PDB file of N, CA and C in Angstrom:
ATOM      1  N   MET A   1     -21.340 -11.643  -3.072  1.00  0.00           N
ATOM      2  CA  MET A   1     -20.317 -13.372  -2.903  1.00  0.00           C
ATOM      3  C   MET A   1     -19.066 -11.971  -2.455  1.00  0.00           C
ATOM      4  N   PRO A   2     -18.734 -12.795  -1.281  1.00  0.00           N
ATOM      5  CA  PRO A   2     -17.523 -11.859  -0.437  1.00  0.00           C
ATOM      6  C   PRO A   2     -16.338 -12.467  -1.415  1.00  0.00           C
ATOM      7  N   GLN A   3     -14.860 -11.438  -0.829  1.00  0.00           N
ATOM      8  CA  GLN A   3     -14.185 -11.204  -1.692  1.00  0.00           C
ATOM      9  C   GLN A   3     -12.871 -12.227  -1.319  1.00  0.00           C
ATOM     10  N   THR A   4     -12.678 -13.342  -1.880  1.00  0.00           N
ATOM     11  CA  THR A   4     -11.477 -14.435  -0.925  1.00  0.00           C
ATOM     12  C   THR A   4     -10.497 -14.089  -0.701  1.00  0.00           C
ATOM     13  N   LEU A   5     -10.106 -14.305  -0.021  1.00  0.00           N
ATOM     14  CA  LEU A   5      -8.344 -13.942   0.641  1.00  0.00           C
ATOM     15  C   LEU A   5      -7.341 -14.068  -0.120  1.00  0.00           C
ATOM     16  N   THR A   6      -7.709 -14.509  -1.316  1.00  0.00           N
ATOM     17  CA  THR A   6      -6.447 -14.306  -2.633  1.00  0.00           C
ATOM     18  C   THR A   6      -6.912 -13.778  -2.721  1.00  0.00           C
ATOM     19  N   MET A   7      -8.179 -13.107  -3.155  1.00  0.00           N
ATOM     20  CA  MET A   7      -8.045 -11.949  -4.223  1.00  0.00           C
ATOM     21  C   MET A   7      -7.969 -10.644  -3.299  1.00  0.00           C
ATOM     22  N   SER A   8      -8.454 -10.607  -2.172  1.00  0.00           N
ATOM     23  CA  SER A   8      -8.054  -9.282  -1.441  1.00  0.00           C
ATOM     24  C   SER A   8      -6.380  -8.928  -1.506  1.00  0.00           C
ATOM     25  N   LEU A   9      -6.017  -9.739  -1.489  1.00  0.00           N
ATOM     26  CA  LEU A   9      -4.200 -10.106  -1.135  1.00  0.00           C
ATOM     27  C   LEU A   9      -3.848  -9.063  -3.008  1.00  0.00           C
ATOM     28  N   ILE A  10      -4.081  -9.731  -3.674  1.00  0.00           N
ATOM     29  CA  ILE A  10      -3.624  -9.437  -5.011  1.00  0.00           C
ATOM     30  C   ILE A  10      -4.444  -8.140  -5.013  1.00  0.00           C
ATOM     31  N   GLU A  11      -5.524  -7.454  -4.928  1.00  0.00           N
ATOM     32  CA  GLU A  11      -5.951  -6.395  -5.183  1.00  0.00           C
ATOM     33  C   GLU A  11      -4.928  -5.904  -4.126  1.00  0.00           C
ATOM     34  N   ALA A  12      -4.796  -5.266  -2.920  1.00  0.00           N
ATOM     35  CA  ALA A  12      -3.869  -4.840  -2.148  1.00  0.00           C
ATOM     36  C   ALA A  12      -2.427  -4.895  -2.966  1.00  0.00           C
ATOM     37  N   ALA A  13      -1.210  -5.883  -2.998  1.00  0.00           N
ATOM     38  CA  ALA A  13      -0.510  -5.652  -3.575  1.00  0.00           C
ATOM     39  C   ALA A  13      -0.795  -4.714  -5.050  1.00  0.00           C
ATOM     40  N   ALA A  14      -1.441  -5.115  -6.151  1.00  0.00           N
ATOM     41  CA  ALA A  14      -1.551  -4.034  -7.416  1.00  0.00           C
ATOM     42  C   ALA A  14      -1.927  -2.597  -6.883  1.00  0.00           C
ATOM     43  N   ASN A  15      -2.628  -2.381  -5.690  1.00  0.00           N
ATOM     44  CA  ASN A  15      -2.861  -1.265  -5.304  1.00  0.00           C
ATOM     45  C   ASN A  15      -1.144  -0.353  -4.839  1.00  0.00           C
ATOM     46  N   VAL A  16      -0.370  -1.456  -3.829  1.00  0.00           N
ATOM     47  CA  VAL A  16       0.564  -1.074  -3.569  1.00  0.00           C
ATOM     48  C   VAL A  16       1.819  -0.589  -4.530  1.00  0.00           C
ATOM     49  N   VAL A  17       1.813  -1.785  -5.630  1.00  0.00           N
ATOM     50  CA  VAL A  17       2.982  -1.566  -6.342  1.00  0.00           C
ATOM     51  C   VAL A  17       2.944  -0.453  -7.312  1.00  0.00           C
ATOM     52  N   VAL A  18       1.752  -0.097  -7.518  1.00  0.00           N
ATOM     53  CA  VAL A  18       1.087   1.433  -8.353  1.00  0.00           C
ATOM     54  C   VAL A  18       1.383   2.366  -7.277  1.00  0.00           C
ATOM     55  N   GLY A  19       1.157   2.143  -5.844  1.00  0.00           N
ATOM     56  CA  GLY A  19       1.706   3.225  -5.200  1.00  0.00           C
ATOM     57  C   GLY A  19       3.406   3.635  -4.756  1.00  0.00           C
ATOM     58  N   TYR A  20       3.991   2.242  -4.906  1.00  0.00           N
ATOM     59  CA  TYR A  20       5.352   2.344  -4.650  1.00  0.00           C
ATOM     60  C   TYR A  20       5.995   2.717  -5.861  1.00  0.00           C
ATOM     61  N   VAL A  21       5.605   2.896  -7.128  1.00  0.00           N
ATOM     62  CA  VAL A  21       5.934   3.552  -8.563  1.00  0.00           C
ATOM     63  C   VAL A  21       5.669   5.380  -8.226  1.00  0.00           C
ATOM     64  N   LEU A  22       4.800   5.842  -7.403  1.00  0.00           N
ATOM     65  CA  LEU A  22       4.241   7.100  -7.435  1.00  0.00           C
ATOM     66  C   LEU A  22       5.057   7.897  -5.815  1.00  0.00           C
ATOM     67  N   ALA A  23       4.851   6.996  -5.143  1.00  0.00           N
ATOM     68  CA  ALA A  23       6.106   7.596  -4.240  1.00  0.00           C
ATOM     69  C   ALA A  23       7.443   7.883  -4.666  1.00  0.00           C
ATOM     70  N   ILE A  24       8.126   6.881  -5.521  1.00  0.00           N
ATOM     71  CA  ILE A  24       9.318   6.917  -5.462  1.00  0.00           C
ATOM     72  C   ILE A  24       9.601   7.958  -6.244  1.00  0.00           C
ATOM     73  N   ALA A  25       8.484   8.138  -7.750  1.00  0.00           N
ATOM     74  CA  ALA A  25       8.818   9.552  -8.288  1.00  0.00           C
ATOM     75  C   ALA A  25       8.345  10.949  -7.570  1.00  0.00           C
ATOM     76  N   THR A  26       7.720  10.445  -6.531  1.00  0.00           N
ATOM     77  CA  THR A  26       7.316  11.755  -5.534  1.00  0.00           C
ATOM     78  C   THR A  26       8.376  12.311  -4.947  1.00  0.00           C
ATOM     79  N   GLN A  27       9.157  11.362  -3.981  1.00  0.00           N
ATOM     80  CA  GLN A  27       9.895  11.143  -3.373  1.00  0.00           C
ATOM     81  C   GLN A  27      11.270  12.095  -4.359  1.00  0.00           C
ATOM     82  N   ILE A  28      11.760  11.491  -5.420  1.00  0.00           N
ATOM     83  CA  ILE A  28      12.714  11.913  -5.894  1.00  0.00           C
ATOM     84  C   ILE A  28      12.476  13.789  -6.473  1.00  0.00           C
ATOM     85  N   VAL A  29      11.228  14.301  -6.345  1.00  0.00           N
ATOM     86  CA  VAL A  29      10.624  15.632  -6.749  1.00  0.00           C
ATOM     87  C   VAL A  29      10.835  16.095  -5.604  1.00  0.00           C
ATOM     88  N   VAL A  30      10.332  15.755  -4.931  1.00  0.00           N
ATOM     89  CA  VAL A  30       9.358  16.855  -3.221  1.00  0.00           C
ATOM     90  C   VAL A  30      10.650  16.734  -2.199  1.00  0.00           C
ATOM     91  N   PHE A  31      11.795  15.814  -1.977  1.00  0.00           N
ATOM     92  CA  PHE A  31      12.684  15.194  -0.900  1.00  0.00           C
ATOM     93  C   PHE A  31      13.517  16.889  -1.316  1.00  0.00           C
ATOM     94  N   PRO A  32      14.196  17.062  -2.551  1.00  0.00           N
ATOM     95  CA  PRO A  32      15.395  18.228  -2.401  1.00  0.00           C
ATOM     96  C   PRO A  32      14.362  19.877  -2.028  1.00  0.00           C
ATOM     97  N   TRP A  33      13.006  19.581  -2.262  1.00  0.00           N
ATOM     98  CA  TRP A  33      12.586  20.897  -1.883  1.00  0.00           C
ATOM     99  C   TRP A  33      12.721  21.034   0.043  1.00  0.00           C
ATOM    100  N   PHE A  34      12.568  19.629   0.384  1.00  0.00           N
ATOM    101  CA  PHE A  34      12.867  20.158   1.678  1.00  0.00           C
ATOM    102  C   PHE A  34      14.532  19.936   2.375  1.00  0.00           C
ATOM    103  N   GLY A  35      15.228  19.847   1.444  1.00  0.00           N
ATOM    104  CA  GLY A  35      17.026  19.719   1.904  1.00  0.00           C
ATOM    105  C   GLY A  35      17.200  18.450   2.220  1.00  0.00           C
ATOM    106  N   ILE A  36      16.591  17.395   1.611  1.00  0.00           N
ATOM    107  CA  ILE A  36      16.936  16.156   1.597  1.00  0.00           C
ATOM    108  C   ILE A  36      17.418  15.319   0.594  1.00  0.00           C
ATOM    109  N   GLU A  37      18.627  15.117   0.473  1.00  0.00           N
ATOM    110  CA  GLU A  37      19.553  14.097  -0.448  1.00  0.00           C
ATOM    111  C   GLU A  37      19.037  13.056  -0.423  1.00  0.00           C
ATOM    112  N   ALA A  38      19.142  12.128  -1.393  1.00  0.00           N
ATOM    113  CA  ALA A  38      18.687  10.924  -1.539  1.00  0.00           C
ATOM    114  C   ALA A  38      19.598  10.161  -2.150  1.00  0.00           C
ATOM    115  N   ALA A  39      20.307   9.202  -2.706  1.00  0.00           N
ATOM    116  CA  ALA A  39      20.624   8.702  -3.525  1.00  0.00           C
ATOM    117  C   ALA A  39      19.867   7.620  -4.360  1.00  0.00           C
ATOM    118  N   ILE A  40      19.550   7.023  -5.447  1.00  0.00           N
ATOM    119  CA  ILE A  40      18.620   6.300  -6.100  1.00  0.00           C
ATOM    120  C   ILE A  40      17.908   4.873  -5.314  1.00  0.00           C
ATOM    121  N   GLY A  41      19.309   4.302  -4.564  1.00  0.00           N
ATOM    122  CA  GLY A  41      18.893   3.614  -4.430  1.00  0.00           C
ATOM    123  C   GLY A  41      18.251   3.881  -2.323  1.00  0.00           C
ATOM    124  N   GLU A  42      18.652   4.708  -2.235  1.00  0.00           N
ATOM    125  CA  GLU A  42      18.086   5.030  -0.625  1.00  0.00           C
ATOM    126  C   GLU A  42      16.181   5.292  -0.870  1.00  0.00           C
ATOM    127  N   HIS A  43      16.038   6.375  -2.123  1.00  0.00           N
ATOM    128  CA  HIS A  43      14.797   5.941  -2.860  1.00  0.00           C
ATOM    129  C   HIS A  43      13.864   5.034  -2.364  1.00  0.00           C
ATOM    130  N   LEU A  44      14.162   3.726  -3.134  1.00  0.00           N
ATOM    131  CA  LEU A  44      14.396   2.464  -3.213  1.00  0.00           C
ATOM    132  C   LEU A  44      13.621   1.913  -2.383  1.00  0.00           C
ATOM    133  N   ALA A  45      14.589   2.120  -1.101  1.00  0.00           N
ATOM    134  CA  ALA A  45      14.852   1.456  -0.171  1.00  0.00           C
ATOM    135  C   ALA A  45      13.402   2.221   1.124  1.00  0.00           C
ATOM    136  N   ILE A  46      13.746   3.188   0.860  1.00  0.00           N
ATOM    137  CA  ILE A  46      12.315   3.871   2.062  1.00  0.00           C
ATOM    138  C   ILE A  46      11.518   3.941   1.414  1.00  0.00           C
ATOM    139  N   GLY A  47      11.156   3.860  -0.192  1.00  0.00           N
ATOM    140  CA  GLY A  47       9.841   3.192  -0.785  1.00  0.00           C
ATOM    141  C   GLY A  47       9.573   1.861  -0.427  1.00  0.00           C
ATOM    142  N   LEU A  48      10.038   0.802  -0.670  1.00  0.00           N
ATOM    143  CA  LEU A  48      10.340  -0.499  -0.216  1.00  0.00           C
ATOM    144  C   LEU A  48       9.369  -0.192   1.757  1.00  0.00           C
ATOM    145  N   VAL A  49      10.086   0.365   2.672  1.00  0.00           N
ATOM    146  CA  VAL A  49       9.385   0.095   4.072  1.00  0.00           C
ATOM    147  C   VAL A  49       8.049   0.338   4.036  1.00  0.00           C
ATOM    148  N   PHE A  50       8.108   1.407   2.838  1.00  0.00           N
ATOM    149  CA  PHE A  50       6.328   1.977   2.884  1.00  0.00           C
ATOM    150  C   PHE A  50       5.629   1.123   2.141  1.00  0.00           C
ATOM    151  N   LEU A  51       6.247   0.552   1.047  1.00  0.00           N
ATOM    152  CA  LEU A  51       5.106  -0.586   0.693  1.00  0.00           C
ATOM    153  C   LEU A  51       5.212  -2.240   1.480  1.00  0.00           C
ATOM    154  N   ALA A  52       5.856  -1.648   2.248  1.00  0.00           N
ATOM    155  CA  ALA A  52       5.158  -3.270   3.180  1.00  0.00           C
ATOM    156  C   ALA A  52       4.300  -2.645   4.149  1.00  0.00           C
ATOM    157  N   VAL A  53       4.190  -1.500   4.669  1.00  0.00           N
ATOM    158  CA  VAL A  53       3.447  -0.984   5.331  1.00  0.00           C
ATOM    159  C   VAL A  53       2.077  -1.199   4.808  1.00  0.00           C
ATOM    160  N   SER A  54       2.202  -0.422   3.278  1.00  0.00           N
ATOM    161  CA  SER A  54       0.996  -0.118   2.643  1.00  0.00           C
ATOM    162  C   SER A  54       0.508  -1.440   2.731  1.00  0.00           C
ATOM    163  N   LEU A  55       1.114  -2.003   1.976  1.00  0.00           N
ATOM    164  CA  LEU A  55       1.257  -3.602   1.622  1.00  0.00           C
ATOM    165  C   LEU A  55      -0.334  -4.154   3.209  1.00  0.00           C
ATOM    166  N   ILE A  56       0.565  -4.001   4.020  1.00  0.00           N
ATOM    167  CA  ILE A  56       0.081  -5.068   5.206  1.00  0.00           C
ATOM    168  C   ILE A  56      -1.622  -3.853   5.731  1.00  0.00           C
ATOM    169  N   ARG A  57      -1.810  -2.445   5.752  1.00  0.00           N
ATOM    170  CA  ARG A  57      -2.716  -1.481   5.963  1.00  0.00           C
ATOM    171  C   ARG A  57      -3.600  -2.502   5.083  1.00  0.00           C
ATOM    172  N   GLY A  58      -3.116  -2.221   3.650  1.00  0.00           N
ATOM    173  CA  GLY A  58      -4.363  -2.567   2.606  1.00  0.00           C
ATOM    174  C   GLY A  58      -5.714  -3.911   2.646  1.00  0.00           C
ATOM    175  N   TYR A  59      -4.603  -4.814   3.119  1.00  0.00           N
ATOM    176  CA  TYR A  59      -4.738  -5.779   3.041  1.00  0.00           C
ATOM    177  C   TYR A  59      -5.862  -6.206   4.609  1.00  0.00           C
ATOM    178  N   LEU A  60      -5.124  -5.968   6.004  1.00  0.00           N
ATOM    179  CA  LEU A  60      -6.303  -5.994   7.186  1.00  0.00           C
ATOM    180  C   LEU A  60      -7.611  -5.010   7.066  1.00  0.00           C
ATOM    181  N   LEU A  61      -7.487  -3.879   6.374  1.00  0.00           N
ATOM    182  CA  LEU A  61      -8.541  -3.095   6.251  1.00  0.00           C
ATOM    183  C   LEU A  61      -9.857  -3.448   5.114  1.00  0.00           C
ATOM    184  N   ARG A  62      -9.090  -4.659   4.285  1.00  0.00           N
ATOM    185  CA  ARG A  62     -10.164  -5.415   3.193  1.00  0.00           C
ATOM    186  C   ARG A  62     -10.840  -6.122   4.315  1.00  0.00           C
ATOM    187  N   ARG A  63     -10.328  -7.234   4.904  1.00  0.00           N
ATOM    188  CA  ARG A  63     -10.112  -8.072   5.676  1.00  0.00           C
ATOM    189  C   ARG A  63     -11.652  -7.488   6.541  1.00  0.00           C
ATOM    190  N   LEU A  64     -11.025  -6.625   7.453  1.00  0.00           N
ATOM    191  CA  LEU A  64     -12.256  -5.971   8.083  1.00  0.00           C
ATOM    192  C   LEU A  64     -13.112  -5.624   7.734  1.00  0.00           C
ATOM    193  N   PHE A  65     -13.486  -4.633   6.420  1.00  0.00           N
ATOM    194  CA  PHE A  65     -14.558  -4.478   5.984  1.00  0.00           C
ATOM    195  C   PHE A  65     -15.073  -5.712   5.177  1.00  0.00           C
ATOM    196  N   GLU A  66     -14.526  -6.544   4.910  1.00  0.00           N
ATOM    197  CA  GLU A  66     -15.409  -7.885   4.680  1.00  0.00           C
ATOM    198  C   GLU A  66     -15.819  -8.277   5.877  1.00  0.00           C
ATOM    199  N   ARG A  67     -15.154  -7.933   7.241  1.00  0.00           N
ATOM    200  CA  ARG A  67     -15.929  -8.885   8.465  1.00  0.00           C
ATOM    201  C   ARG A  67     -16.868  -8.413   8.760  1.00  0.00           C
ATOM    202  N   LEU A  68     -16.888  -7.193   8.525  1.00  0.00           N
ATOM    203  CA  LEU A  68     -18.258  -5.972   8.688  1.00  0.00           C
ATOM    204  C   LEU A  68     -19.272  -5.626   8.030  1.00  0.00           C
ATOM    205  N   ARG A  69     -18.798  -6.402   6.297  1.00  0.00           N
ATOM    206  CA  ARG A  69     -19.903  -6.764   5.433  1.00  0.00           C
ATOM    207  C   ARG A  69     -20.764  -7.638   6.135  1.00  0.00           C
ATOM    208  N   PHE A  70     -19.992  -8.913   5.895  1.00  0.00           N
ATOM    209  CA  PHE A  70     -20.665  -9.981   6.946  1.00  0.00           C
ATOM    210  C   PHE A  70     -21.381 -10.164   7.872  1.00  0.00           C
ATOM    211  N   VAL A  71     -21.042  -9.277   9.052  1.00  0.00           N
ATOM    212  CA  VAL A  71     -21.270  -9.208   9.942  1.00  0.00           C
ATOM    213  C   VAL A  71     -22.947  -8.363   9.575  1.00  0.00           C
ATOM    214  N   ALA A  72     -22.804  -7.307   9.241  1.00  0.00           N
ATOM    215  CA  ALA A  72     -23.944  -6.457   8.436  1.00  0.00           C
ATOM    216  C   ALA A  72     -25.231  -7.601   7.932  1.00  0.00           C
ATOM    217  N   LEU A  73     -24.812  -8.511   7.168  1.00  0.00           N
ATOM    218  CA  LEU A  73     -25.417  -9.643   6.257  1.00  0.00           C
ATOM    219  C   LEU A  73     -26.241 -10.487   6.858  1.00  0.00           C
ATOM    220  N   ARG A  74     -26.089 -10.850   8.525  1.00  0.00           N
ATOM    221  CA  ARG A  74     -26.271 -11.472   9.119  1.00  0.00           C
ATOM    222  C   ARG A  74     -27.341 -10.985   9.881  1.00  0.00           C
ATOM    223  N   ARG A  75     -27.668  -9.694  10.176  1.00  0.00           N
ATOM    224  CA  ARG A  75     -28.497  -9.069  10.530  1.00  0.00           C
ATOM    225  C   ARG A  75     -29.955  -9.280  10.285  1.00  0.00           C
TER     226      ARG A  75
END
């Protein structure tokens, strides 16, 4: 049974939220190694940009693979 559009979005969102938390923690640790100083608000804003990109990417890839699976099943 194919995944619904809503479940695709929920899965992608859950994945991105976990990724967002990990990204913020990683930025806080790694940025100083490269001489990048950022306040917590800046870390959160940078993370939000990547969150949006990641959410869109995850959703579109999920829909692409669902479509490819559907096409493969029709053969």
